Amino acid sequence: QKAQELLEVARGKSAVERCRMFMQAQHCTTPELALVHTHTRTTDLGQSRPELGHATNAAVIVGRRELSKGWFLARRAFLASYDPFNDDERGTNLELVITPALVVCSGISLEYLYSTTDGGAGTKVVMNMVGNFGVMQGATGGDLLVGLPTQMTEFHTPVRAIFLVDAPLGRLEAVLSR
């Protein structure tokens, strides 16, 4: 019951934070208003801008959550929990945490970076899928476009992700060398 209440509070705070980024949601300053707005947005077929997904990502913090507790990261960091004091010298737990973080977060960061700097796939309003590998603007032709639509990258500052790992250097080097 207590966990459910805490999740509901966190859900409301997250919705308020997301609404700050949407022009049509500046009035959503309470969790109740923000939750209604974000839910409505997810089902509005006329909405050309998504929930912004991972836009603005800039960092990955692998470590104990008390290291970042109280920091306002402005939705710019992925947080992967890892306790360096609860691991062996080989870094078995670190490897389980950092491997997906490196692959997934680096991929997301690079996708946003190159879609922002190289133009991406243009507007998604008139976008049509071509196979499973690209999009085309309109229905009758044009170049095959790759990358994210402009609506997903317009809030993104192109940067490479920074990884902050709370672990002994020798353990981290051993994991990365495997």
Protein backbone atom coordinates (compact mmCIF):
# COMPACT_ATOMS: atom_id res chain seq x y z
CA GLN A 1 0.00 0.00 0.00
CA LYS A 2 2.78 2.45 0.98
CA ALA A 3 4.79 1.56 -2.14
CA GLN A 4 1.73 2.22 -4.30
CA GLU A 5 1.27 5.64 -2.71
CA LEU A 6 4.94 6.52 -3.25
CA LEU A 7 4.77 5.43 -6.89
CA GLU A 8 1.70 7.60 -7.42
CA VAL A 9 3.51 10.64 -5.97
CA ALA A 10 6.56 9.96 -8.18
CA ARG A 11 4.30 9.53 -11.21
CA GLY A 12 2.71 12.93 -10.57
CA LYS A 13 6.07 14.67 -10.11
CA SER A 14 7.37 13.12 -13.32
CA ALA A 15 4.29 14.30 -15.24
CA VAL A 16 4.76 17.88 -13.94
CA GLU A 17 8.41 17.81 -15.02
CA ARG A 18 7.51 16.53 -18.51
CA CYS A 19 4.79 19.16 -18.93
CA ARG A 20 7.37 21.95 -18.52
CA MET A 21 8.69 20.97 -21.96
CA PHE A 22 5.37 21.11 -23.82
CA MET A 23 4.03 24.45 -25.06
CA GLN A 24 0.41 23.36 -24.60
CA ALA A 25 1.02 22.19 -21.04
CA GLN A 26 2.56 25.21 -19.32
CA HIS A 27 -0.58 25.51 -17.17
CA CYS A 28 -0.12 21.97 -15.81
CA THR A 29 1.64 22.85 -12.56
CA THR A 30 -0.07 20.32 -10.30
CA PRO A 31 0.36 16.55 -10.48
CA GLU A 32 -3.35 16.09 -11.16
CA LEU A 33 -3.41 18.43 -14.18
CA ALA A 34 -0.10 17.09 -15.48
CA LEU A 35 -1.25 13.46 -15.27
CA VAL A 36 -4.42 14.24 -17.21
CA HIS A 37 -2.45 16.15 -19.86
CA THR A 38 0.23 13.48 -20.35
CA HIS A 39 -2.34 10.70 -20.53
CA THR A 40 -4.42 12.62 -23.07
CA ARG A 41 -1.29 13.31 -25.10
CA THR A 42 -0.49 9.60 -25.41
CA THR A 43 -3.81 8.87 -27.11
CA ASP A 44 -4.08 11.97 -29.34
CA LEU A 45 -3.48 10.85 -32.95
CA GLY A 46 -3.13 14.48 -34.02
CA GLN A 47 -0.18 15.00 -31.69
CA SER A 48 2.96 15.22 -33.82
CA ARG A 49 5.27 15.52 -30.83
CA PRO A 50 5.83 12.41 -28.76
CA GLU A 51 6.54 12.20 -25.06
CA LEU A 52 10.10 13.18 -26.02
CA GLY A 53 11.36 9.77 -24.96
CA HIS A 54 15.06 10.03 -24.33
CA ALA A 55 15.56 13.53 -25.78
CA THR A 56 18.03 15.61 -23.77
CA ASN A 57 19.91 12.53 -22.50
CA ALA A 58 23.51 13.37 -21.69
CA ALA A 59 24.80 11.01 -19.00
CA VAL A 60 24.68 7.57 -17.46
CA ILE A 61 25.33 7.23 -13.74
CA VAL A 62 26.17 3.69 -12.60
CA GLY A 63 26.41 3.46 -8.84
CA ARG A 64 24.72 3.81 -5.51
CA ARG A 65 21.63 5.99 -5.68
CA GLU A 66 22.73 8.03 -2.67
CA LEU A 67 25.41 9.55 -4.95
CA SER A 68 22.78 11.32 -7.03
CA LYS A 69 20.07 11.67 -4.38
CA GLY A 70 18.77 15.23 -4.32
CA TRP A 71 20.36 16.20 -7.64
CA PHE A 72 18.08 17.76 -10.23
CA LEU A 73 19.21 15.98 -13.39
CA ALA A 74 16.45 17.46 -15.60
CA ARG A 75 15.71 14.09 -17.26
CA ARG A 76 19.25 14.16 -18.72
CA ALA A 77 20.66 11.06 -17.02
CA PHE A 78 20.00 7.34 -17.04
CA LEU A 79 20.45 5.90 -13.56
CA ALA A 80 21.70 2.33 -13.19
CA SER A 81 21.94 1.07 -9.60
CA TYR A 82 25.16 -0.67 -8.56
CA ASP A 83 26.76 -1.13 -5.14
CA PRO A 84 30.55 -1.47 -5.42
CA PHE A 85 30.69 -2.85 -1.87
CA ASN A 86 28.40 -5.75 -2.80
CA ASP A 87 30.48 -7.22 -5.62
CA ASP A 88 33.48 -9.49 -6.09
CA GLU A 89 36.87 -8.31 -7.38
CA ARG A 90 36.09 -9.72 -10.82
CA GLY A 91 33.15 -7.29 -11.04
CA THR A 92 30.45 -9.88 -11.70
CA ASN A 93 27.61 -7.55 -10.63
CA LEU A 94 29.18 -4.52 -12.33
CA GLU A 95 29.36 -6.46 -15.60
CA LEU A 96 25.65 -7.34 -15.35
CA VAL A 97 24.75 -3.67 -14.80
CA ILE A 98 27.17 -1.87 -17.10
CA THR A 99 26.92 -4.08 -20.19
CA PRO A 100 23.30 -3.23 -21.06
CA ALA A 101 23.83 0.38 -19.94
CA LEU A 102 26.77 0.78 -22.33
CA VAL A 103 25.02 -0.83 -25.26
CA VAL A 104 21.57 0.69 -24.84
CA CYS A 105 22.48 4.16 -23.55
CA SER A 106 25.32 4.63 -26.02
CA GLY A 107 23.01 3.60 -28.85
CA ILE A 108 20.27 5.98 -27.75
CA SER A 109 22.75 8.81 -27.25
CA LEU A 110 24.35 8.30 -30.67
CA GLU A 111 20.95 8.00 -32.35
CA TYR A 112 19.94 11.39 -30.96
CA LEU A 113 23.40 12.89 -31.61
CA TYR A 114 23.51 11.93 -35.29
CA SER A 115 19.82 12.62 -35.92
CA THR A 116 20.33 16.11 -34.49
CA THR A 117 23.59 16.94 -36.26
CA ASP A 118 22.80 15.19 -39.56
CA GLY A 119 19.19 16.33 -39.85
CA GLY A 120 17.45 13.07 -39.03
CA ALA A 121 14.40 11.94 -40.95
CA GLY A 122 12.50 15.25 -41.11
CA THR A 123 8.99 15.84 -39.86
CA LYS A 124 6.96 12.82 -38.82
CA VAL A 125 3.68 14.41 -39.86
CA VAL A 126 3.90 13.09 -43.45
CA MET A 127 6.22 10.15 -42.77
CA ASN A 128 5.68 6.67 -44.22
CA MET A 129 7.62 3.57 -43.18
CA VAL A 130 9.68 1.78 -45.83
CA GLY A 131 10.40 -1.76 -44.73
CA ASN A 132 11.93 -1.84 -41.28
CA PHE A 133 14.91 0.34 -42.07
CA GLY A 134 13.86 3.84 -43.10
CA VAL A 135 11.11 6.33 -43.84
CA MET A 136 9.99 8.41 -46.79
CA GLN A 137 8.36 11.84 -46.75
CA GLY A 138 4.94 11.67 -48.39
CA ALA A 139 3.54 8.80 -50.42
CA THR A 140 5.03 9.11 -53.87
CA GLY A 141 8.75 9.44 -53.63
CA GLY A 142 11.80 11.10 -52.32
CA ASP A 143 14.93 9.87 -50.66
CA LEU A 144 14.95 7.11 -48.10
CA LEU A 145 15.55 8.84 -44.77
CA VAL A 146 17.05 7.37 -41.62
CA GLY A 147 17.27 8.75 -38.12
CA LEU A 148 14.77 10.20 -35.71
CA PRO A 149 12.05 12.66 -36.74
CA THR A 150 12.60 16.36 -36.09
CA GLN A 151 9.87 16.36 -33.45
CA MET A 152 12.00 14.02 -31.30
CA THR A 153 15.26 15.93 -31.69
CA GLU A 154 14.24 19.59 -31.54
CA PHE A 155 14.74 19.68 -27.75
CA HIS A 156 18.00 17.74 -27.84
CA THR A 157 21.42 19.32 -27.49
CA PRO A 158 23.81 17.07 -29.42
CA VAL A 159 26.34 15.59 -27.01
CA ARG A 160 28.03 12.25 -26.51
CA ALA A 161 26.90 10.50 -23.35
CA ILE A 162 29.13 10.78 -20.30
CA PHE A 163 29.40 7.65 -18.17
CA LEU A 164 30.01 8.06 -14.43
CA VAL A 165 30.76 4.71 -12.78
CA ASP A 166 31.11 4.31 -9.03
CA ALA A 167 33.52 1.37 -8.88
CA PRO A 168 37.20 0.73 -8.21
CA LEU A 169 39.21 1.53 -11.34
CA GLY A 170 40.83 -1.92 -11.57
CA ARG A 171 37.43 -3.63 -11.41
CA LEU A 172 36.00 -1.34 -14.08
CA GLU A 173 39.00 -1.90 -16.36
CA ALA A 174 38.66 -5.68 -15.92
CA VAL A 175 34.99 -5.58 -16.87
CA LEU A 176 35.59 -3.34 -19.89
CA SER A 177 38.43 -5.54 -21.13
CA ARG A 178 36.14 -8.59 -21.35
